[in-house]
């Protein structure tokens, strides 16, 4: 007859392995999210690096980025009375 303590120990070990697997998946998700946020942050920084009128390429990229972002925001929010969608419309008019 198996010992009850061994069965509990095995269940505890199984739970520990399951917890470790969940933690690893969460860490991987957080790492992916962090890299996406860093990429977005770099993109925003590049958008605002126009320092002189000689940087016409950067200005064109800024307007294209603003235009794309405003349309992306408006496509995500279907309600025309939402204040975020109104801000997106204003941003698209400015570009």
N, C-alpha and C. Protein backbone atom coordinates (compact mmCIF):
# COMPACT_ATOMS: atom_id res chain seq x y z
N UNK A 1 0.85 -1.18 0.00
CA UNK A 1 0.00 0.00 0.00
C UNK A 1 0.90 1.24 0.00
N UNK A 2 0.65 2.16 -0.98
CA UNK A 2 1.50 3.35 -1.07
C UNK A 2 1.27 4.28 0.12
N UNK A 3 2.30 4.96 0.47
CA UNK A 3 2.23 5.89 1.59
C UNK A 3 1.48 7.15 1.17
N UNK A 4 0.62 7.66 2.03
CA UNK A 4 -0.17 8.86 1.74
C UNK A 4 0.75 10.07 1.60
N UNK A 5 1.80 10.09 2.38
CA UNK A 5 2.76 11.19 2.31
C UNK A 5 3.46 11.25 0.97
N UNK A 6 3.75 10.10 0.38
CA UNK A 6 4.39 10.08 -0.94
C UNK A 6 3.46 10.63 -2.02
N UNK A 7 2.18 10.30 -1.92
CA UNK A 7 1.21 10.80 -2.89
C UNK A 7 1.07 12.32 -2.77
N UNK A 8 1.04 12.80 -1.55
CA UNK A 8 0.94 14.26 -1.36
C UNK A 8 2.20 14.96 -1.85
N UNK A 9 3.34 14.35 -1.57
CA UNK A 9 4.60 14.92 -2.03
C UNK A 9 4.66 14.96 -3.56
N UNK A 10 4.18 13.90 -4.20
CA UNK A 10 4.15 13.86 -5.67
C UNK A 10 3.21 14.93 -6.21
N UNK A 11 2.05 15.12 -5.58
CA UNK A 11 1.10 16.15 -6.02
C UNK A 11 1.69 17.53 -5.82
N UNK A 12 2.39 17.73 -4.72
CA UNK A 12 3.03 19.01 -4.46
C UNK A 12 4.13 19.29 -5.49
N UNK A 13 4.89 18.26 -5.83
CA UNK A 13 5.94 18.41 -6.84
C UNK A 13 5.33 18.74 -8.20
N UNK A 14 4.25 18.06 -8.53
CA UNK A 14 3.57 18.33 -9.80
C UNK A 14 3.07 19.77 -9.83
N UNK A 15 2.49 20.24 -8.74
CA UNK A 15 2.01 21.63 -8.68
C UNK A 15 3.16 22.62 -8.82
N UNK A 16 4.30 22.27 -8.23
CA UNK A 16 5.46 23.14 -8.34
C UNK A 16 5.94 23.24 -9.78
N UNK A 17 6.00 22.11 -10.49
CA UNK A 17 6.40 22.13 -11.90
C UNK A 17 5.41 22.92 -12.75
N UNK A 18 4.11 22.76 -12.44
CA UNK A 18 3.07 23.50 -13.17
C UNK A 18 3.22 25.00 -12.92
N UNK A 19 3.47 25.38 -11.69
CA UNK A 19 3.68 26.79 -11.35
C UNK A 19 4.90 27.34 -12.07
N UNK A 20 5.96 26.55 -12.13
CA UNK A 20 7.18 26.99 -12.83
C UNK A 20 6.91 27.19 -14.32
N UNK A 21 6.16 26.28 -14.93
CA UNK A 21 5.83 26.41 -16.36
C UNK A 21 5.00 27.66 -16.61
N UNK A 22 4.04 27.93 -15.74
CA UNK A 22 3.22 29.15 -15.89
C UNK A 22 4.07 30.41 -15.73
N UNK A 23 4.96 30.36 -14.77
CA UNK A 23 5.85 31.51 -14.55
C UNK A 23 6.73 31.76 -15.77
N UNK A 24 7.24 30.71 -16.37
CA UNK A 24 8.08 30.86 -17.56
C UNK A 24 7.27 31.45 -18.72
N UNK A 25 6.05 31.00 -18.91
CA UNK A 25 5.21 31.56 -19.98
C UNK A 25 4.92 33.04 -19.73
N UNK A 26 4.66 33.37 -18.47
CA UNK A 26 4.41 34.77 -18.13
C UNK A 26 5.64 35.62 -18.38
N UNK A 27 6.81 35.11 -18.00
CA UNK A 27 8.06 35.85 -18.23
C UNK A 27 8.31 36.04 -19.72
N UNK A 28 8.03 35.03 -20.53
CA UNK A 28 8.20 35.16 -21.98
C UNK A 28 7.24 36.20 -22.56
N UNK A 29 6.00 36.19 -22.07
CA UNK A 29 5.03 37.19 -22.53
C UNK A 29 5.45 38.60 -22.14
N UNK A 30 5.94 38.74 -20.91
CA UNK A 30 6.40 40.05 -20.46
C UNK A 30 7.60 40.53 -21.26
N UNK A 31 8.48 39.62 -21.60
CA UNK A 31 9.64 39.98 -22.40
C UNK A 31 9.22 40.44 -23.80
N UNK A 32 8.28 39.72 -24.40
CA UNK A 32 7.79 40.11 -25.72
C UNK A 32 7.10 41.47 -25.66
N UNK A 33 6.30 41.69 -24.63
CA UNK A 33 5.63 42.97 -24.48
C UNK A 33 6.63 44.10 -24.26
N UNK A 34 7.66 43.82 -23.48
CA UNK A 34 8.69 44.82 -23.24
C UNK A 34 9.41 45.20 -24.53
N UNK A 35 9.72 44.22 -25.37
CA UNK A 35 10.40 44.54 -26.63
C UNK A 35 9.48 45.32 -27.56
N UNK A 36 8.19 45.02 -27.55
CA UNK A 36 7.25 45.79 -28.37
C UNK A 36 7.16 47.24 -27.88
N UNK A 37 7.11 47.40 -26.57
CA UNK A 37 7.05 48.76 -26.01
C UNK A 37 8.33 49.54 -26.34
N UNK A 38 9.46 48.85 -26.28
CA UNK A 38 10.73 49.51 -26.61
C UNK A 38 10.75 49.92 -28.08
N UNK A 39 10.24 49.07 -28.96
CA UNK A 39 10.18 49.41 -30.38
C UNK A 39 9.27 50.61 -30.61
N UNK A 40 8.13 50.65 -29.92
CA UNK A 40 7.22 51.78 -30.06
C UNK A 40 7.86 53.05 -29.51
N UNK A 41 8.56 52.93 -28.41
CA UNK A 41 9.24 54.07 -27.82
C UNK A 41 10.32 54.60 -28.76
N UNK A 42 11.07 53.72 -29.39
CA UNK A 42 12.08 54.14 -30.36
C UNK A 42 11.44 54.82 -31.56
N UNK A 43 10.30 54.29 -32.00
CA UNK A 43 9.59 54.89 -33.12
C UNK A 43 9.11 56.30 -32.77
N UNK A 44 8.57 56.45 -31.58
CA UNK A 44 8.13 57.78 -31.15
C UNK A 44 9.31 58.75 -31.03
N UNK A 45 10.41 58.26 -30.53
CA UNK A 45 11.60 59.12 -30.39
C UNK A 45 12.09 59.56 -31.77
N UNK A 46 12.10 58.64 -32.74
CA UNK A 46 12.53 59.01 -34.10
C UNK A 46 11.57 60.01 -34.72
N UNK A 47 10.30 59.88 -34.37
CA UNK A 47 9.30 60.79 -34.93
C UNK A 47 9.55 62.23 -34.50
N UNK A 48 10.05 62.40 -33.31
CA UNK A 48 10.22 63.74 -32.76
C UNK A 48 11.66 64.23 -32.81
N UNK A 49 12.47 63.66 -33.68
CA UNK A 49 13.86 64.06 -33.78
C UNK A 49 14.11 65.07 -34.90
N UNK A 50 13.08 65.68 -35.41
CA UNK A 50 13.24 66.68 -36.45
C UNK A 50 13.81 67.94 -35.80
N UNK A 51 15.06 68.25 -36.11
CA UNK A 51 15.73 69.35 -35.42
C UNK A 51 15.89 70.58 -36.29
N UNK A 52 15.92 70.42 -37.58
CA UNK A 52 16.11 71.57 -38.45
C UNK A 52 15.31 71.38 -39.73
N UNK A 53 15.05 72.45 -40.46
CA UNK A 53 14.30 72.32 -41.71
C UNK A 53 15.02 71.49 -42.76
N UNK A 54 16.30 71.21 -42.55
CA UNK A 54 17.02 70.37 -43.52
C UNK A 54 16.59 68.92 -43.45
N UNK A 55 15.95 68.54 -42.37
CA UNK A 55 15.55 67.15 -42.17
C UNK A 55 14.18 66.87 -42.79
N UNK A 56 14.04 67.15 -44.08
CA UNK A 56 12.74 66.98 -44.73
C UNK A 56 12.30 65.53 -44.74
N UNK A 57 13.24 64.61 -44.84
CA UNK A 57 12.87 63.19 -44.82
C UNK A 57 12.25 62.83 -43.47
N UNK A 58 12.81 63.32 -42.38
CA UNK A 58 12.24 63.05 -41.07
C UNK A 58 10.86 63.68 -40.91
N UNK A 59 10.69 64.86 -41.47
CA UNK A 59 9.38 65.53 -41.40
C UNK A 59 8.35 64.72 -42.17
N UNK A 60 8.71 64.25 -43.35
CA UNK A 60 7.78 63.43 -44.14
C UNK A 60 7.45 62.14 -43.39
N UNK A 61 8.45 61.52 -42.77
CA UNK A 61 8.19 60.30 -42.00
C UNK A 61 7.28 60.60 -40.81
N UNK A 62 7.47 61.76 -40.19
CA UNK A 62 6.63 62.14 -39.06
C UNK A 62 5.17 62.28 -39.49
N UNK A 63 4.93 62.96 -40.59
CA UNK A 63 3.56 63.13 -41.05
C UNK A 63 2.94 61.81 -41.46
N UNK A 64 3.71 60.97 -42.12
CA UNK A 64 3.18 59.66 -42.52
C UNK A 64 2.85 58.83 -41.28
N UNK A 65 3.73 58.87 -40.28
CA UNK A 65 3.50 58.12 -39.06
C UNK A 65 2.25 58.64 -38.35
N UNK A 66 2.09 59.96 -38.27
CA UNK A 66 0.92 60.55 -37.61
C UNK A 66 -0.36 60.18 -38.35
N UNK A 67 -0.30 60.22 -39.67
CA UNK A 67 -1.46 59.86 -40.49
C UNK A 67 -1.84 58.39 -40.25
N UNK A 68 -0.84 57.52 -40.30
CA UNK A 68 -1.11 56.09 -40.09
C UNK A 68 -1.66 55.83 -38.68
N UNK A 69 -1.08 56.49 -37.70
CA UNK A 69 -1.50 56.28 -36.32
C UNK A 69 -2.93 56.78 -36.11
N UNK A 70 -3.27 57.92 -36.68
CA UNK A 70 -4.63 58.44 -36.50
C UNK A 70 -5.66 57.51 -37.15
N UNK A 71 -5.34 56.98 -38.32
CA UNK A 71 -6.29 56.06 -38.96
C UNK A 71 -6.37 54.74 -38.22
N UNK A 72 -5.28 54.30 -37.65
CA UNK A 72 -5.30 53.08 -36.86
C UNK A 72 -6.17 53.27 -35.62
N UNK A 73 -6.04 54.41 -34.97
CA UNK A 73 -6.85 54.69 -33.78
C UNK A 73 -8.32 54.76 -34.15
N UNK A 74 -8.65 55.43 -35.25
CA UNK A 74 -10.05 55.55 -35.65
C UNK A 74 -10.64 54.20 -36.04
N UNK A 75 -9.82 53.30 -36.60
CA UNK A 75 -10.35 51.98 -36.97
C UNK A 75 -10.60 51.11 -35.74
N UNK A 76 -9.89 51.37 -34.66
CA UNK A 76 -10.06 50.58 -33.44
C UNK A 76 -11.31 50.99 -32.66
N UNK A 77 -11.75 52.23 -32.80
CA UNK A 77 -12.86 52.74 -31.99
C UNK A 77 -14.03 53.08 -32.93
N UNK A 78 -15.07 52.25 -32.93
CA UNK A 78 -16.18 52.46 -33.87
C UNK A 78 -17.12 53.61 -33.50
N UNK A 79 -17.18 53.97 -32.22
CA UNK A 79 -18.12 54.99 -31.76
C UNK A 79 -17.65 56.38 -32.20
N UNK A 80 -18.39 57.09 -33.07
CA UNK A 80 -17.94 58.41 -33.54
C UNK A 80 -17.97 59.48 -32.46
N UNK A 81 -18.70 59.25 -31.36
CA UNK A 81 -18.77 60.25 -30.30
C UNK A 81 -17.68 60.07 -29.24
N UNK A 82 -16.87 59.06 -29.39
CA UNK A 82 -15.80 58.81 -28.42
C UNK A 82 -14.73 59.89 -28.55
N UNK A 83 -14.24 60.39 -27.41
CA UNK A 83 -13.26 61.49 -27.44
C UNK A 83 -11.93 61.06 -28.05
N UNK A 84 -11.57 59.79 -27.93
CA UNK A 84 -10.32 59.32 -28.54
C UNK A 84 -10.44 59.34 -30.06
N UNK A 85 -11.59 58.93 -30.58
CA UNK A 85 -11.79 58.95 -32.03
C UNK A 85 -11.79 60.39 -32.55
N UNK A 86 -12.39 61.30 -31.79
CA UNK A 86 -12.36 62.71 -32.21
C UNK A 86 -10.93 63.24 -32.25
N UNK A 87 -10.12 62.85 -31.27
CA UNK A 87 -8.71 63.26 -31.29
C UNK A 87 -7.99 62.68 -32.49
N UNK A 88 -8.33 61.45 -32.87
CA UNK A 88 -7.74 60.83 -34.06
C UNK A 88 -8.12 61.58 -35.33
N UNK A 89 -9.37 62.04 -35.40
CA UNK A 89 -9.80 62.82 -36.56
C UNK A 89 -9.05 64.15 -36.64
N UNK A 90 -8.89 64.78 -35.48
CA UNK A 90 -8.15 66.04 -35.45
C UNK A 90 -6.71 65.82 -35.89
N UNK A 91 -6.11 64.73 -35.41
CA UNK A 91 -4.73 64.42 -35.79
C UNK A 91 -4.61 64.15 -37.28
N UNK A 92 -5.60 63.47 -37.86
CA UNK A 92 -5.52 63.17 -39.30
C UNK A 92 -5.71 64.44 -40.13
N UNK A 93 -6.46 65.41 -39.60
CA UNK A 93 -6.61 66.68 -40.34
C UNK A 93 -5.33 67.50 -40.31
N UNK A 94 -4.57 67.37 -39.24
CA UNK A 94 -3.34 68.14 -39.10
C UNK A 94 -2.22 67.64 -40.01
N UNK A 95 -2.32 66.37 -40.44
CA UNK A 95 -1.22 65.80 -41.23
C UNK A 95 -1.36 66.08 -42.68
